[in-house]
Amino acid sequence: MLKWLVVILVVVLLAGLMGPRSAGGLRLGRLPGDLAFRFRGRAYHFPFASTVLLSLLAWLLLRML
């Protein structure tokens, strides 16, 4: 159990550090299914397609382990 917690912690840490750099190249948050709009001066973002894509990649990665 402790081993999996350490693995999850390392993955989350790496994703947090590499996320901003890789998001520009992968266009995450700007895919065709992602919604972004302004309402009363505030910007709202709903990254539906990016969430599905990342969930699919995580599922595939876990299936290979």
C-alpha atoms as a PDB file:
ATOM      1  CA  MET A   1       0.000   0.000   0.000  1.00  0.00           C
ATOM      2  CA  LEU A   2       2.792   2.401   0.880  1.00  0.00           C
ATOM      3  CA  LYS A   3       4.537   1.661  -2.416  1.00  0.00           C
ATOM      4  CA  TRP A   4       1.474   2.743  -4.415  1.00  0.00           C
ATOM      5  CA  LEU A   5       1.097   5.939  -2.395  1.00  0.00           C
ATOM      6  CA  VAL A   6       4.717   6.839  -3.133  1.00  0.00           C
ATOM      7  CA  VAL A   7       4.216   6.079  -6.838  1.00  0.00           C
ATOM      8  CA  ILE A   8       1.082   8.243  -6.976  1.00  0.00           C
ATOM      9  CA  LEU A   9       2.869  11.065  -5.149  1.00  0.00           C
ATOM     10  CA  VAL A  10       5.782  10.960  -7.610  1.00  0.00           C
ATOM     11  CA  VAL A  11       3.454  10.903 -10.634  1.00  0.00           C
ATOM     12  CA  VAL A  12       1.439  13.854  -9.336  1.00  0.00           C
ATOM     13  CA  LEU A  13       4.631  15.777  -8.565  1.00  0.00           C
ATOM     14  CA  LEU A  14       6.047  15.147 -12.036  1.00  0.00           C
ATOM     15  CA  ALA A  15       2.751  16.038 -13.694  1.00  0.00           C
ATOM     16  CA  GLY A  16       2.652  19.284 -11.749  1.00  0.00           C
ATOM     17  CA  LEU A  17       6.182  20.192 -12.725  1.00  0.00           C
ATOM     18  CA  MET A  18       5.919  19.169 -16.378  1.00  0.00           C
ATOM     19  CA  GLY A  19       2.293  20.159 -16.946  1.00  0.00           C
ATOM     20  CA  PRO A  20       2.764  23.779 -17.971  1.00  0.00           C
ATOM     21  CA  ARG A  21       5.609  22.906 -20.352  1.00  0.00           C
ATOM     22  CA  SER A  22       3.850  19.999 -22.035  1.00  0.00           C
ATOM     23  CA  ALA A  23       0.421  21.661 -22.188  1.00  0.00           C
ATOM     24  CA  GLY A  24       1.643  24.128 -24.793  1.00  0.00           C
ATOM     25  CA  GLY A  25       2.841  21.371 -27.095  1.00  0.00           C
ATOM     26  CA  LEU A  26      -0.162  19.115 -26.559  1.00  0.00           C
ATOM     27  CA  ARG A  27      -2.719  21.947 -26.831  1.00  0.00           C
ATOM     28  CA  LEU A  28      -4.471  20.740 -23.683  1.00  0.00           C
ATOM     29  CA  GLY A  29      -7.342  23.028 -22.798  1.00  0.00           C
ATOM     30  CA  ARG A  30      -7.756  24.093 -26.440  1.00  0.00           C
ATOM     31  CA  LEU A  31      -9.068  20.895 -28.006  1.00  0.00           C
ATOM     32  CA  PRO A  32     -12.289  20.971 -30.085  1.00  0.00           C
ATOM     33  CA  GLY A  33     -14.431  19.687 -27.188  1.00  0.00           C
ATOM     34  CA  ASP A  34     -13.156  22.221 -24.640  1.00  0.00           C
ATOM     35  CA  LEU A  35     -15.442  25.140 -23.860  1.00  0.00           C
ATOM     36  CA  ALA A  36     -14.205  28.608 -22.966  1.00  0.00           C
ATOM     37  CA  PHE A  37     -16.358  31.697 -22.697  1.00  0.00           C
ATOM     38  CA  ARG A  38     -16.603  35.036 -20.915  1.00  0.00           C
ATOM     39  CA  PHE A  39     -19.625  36.036 -18.880  1.00  0.00           C
ATOM     40  CA  ARG A  40     -19.898  39.338 -17.020  1.00  0.00           C
ATOM     41  CA  GLY A  41     -16.179  39.974 -17.272  1.00  0.00           C
ATOM     42  CA  ARG A  42     -15.079  36.561 -15.983  1.00  0.00           C
ATOM     43  CA  ALA A  43     -13.527  33.786 -18.031  1.00  0.00           C
ATOM     44  CA  TYR A  44     -14.867  30.251 -17.639  1.00  0.00           C
ATOM     45  CA  HIS A  45     -13.099  27.163 -18.962  1.00  0.00           C
ATOM     46  CA  PHE A  46     -14.566  23.666 -19.178  1.00  0.00           C
ATOM     47  CA  PRO A  47     -11.939  21.277 -20.618  1.00  0.00           C
ATOM     48  CA  PHE A  48     -14.209  18.320 -21.404  1.00  0.00           C
ATOM     49  CA  ALA A  49     -12.170  16.888 -24.296  1.00  0.00           C
ATOM     50  CA  SER A  50      -8.853  17.350 -22.481  1.00  0.00           C
ATOM     51  CA  THR A  51     -10.230  15.542 -19.434  1.00  0.00           C
ATOM     52  CA  VAL A  52     -11.426  12.609 -21.524  1.00  0.00           C
ATOM     53  CA  LEU A  53      -8.078  12.424 -23.346  1.00  0.00           C
ATOM     54  CA  LEU A  54      -6.035  12.479 -20.142  1.00  0.00           C
ATOM     55  CA  SER A  55      -8.336   9.920 -18.509  1.00  0.00           C
ATOM     56  CA  LEU A  56      -7.928   7.621 -21.497  1.00  0.00           C
ATOM     57  CA  LEU A  57      -4.137   7.979 -21.395  1.00  0.00           C
ATOM     58  CA  ALA A  58      -4.067   7.278 -17.645  1.00  0.00           C
ATOM     59  CA  TRP A  59      -6.299   4.213 -18.121  1.00  0.00           C
ATOM     60  CA  LEU A  60      -4.043   2.869 -20.886  1.00  0.00           C
ATOM     61  CA  LEU A  61      -0.945   3.456 -18.776  1.00  0.00           C
ATOM     62  CA  LEU A  62      -2.448   1.633 -15.806  1.00  0.00           C
ATOM     63  CA  ARG A  63      -3.589  -1.263 -18.016  1.00  0.00           C
ATOM     64  CA  MET A  64       0.013  -1.726 -19.197  1.00  0.00           C
ATOM     65  CA  LEU A  65       1.292  -1.917 -15.624  1.00  0.00           C
END
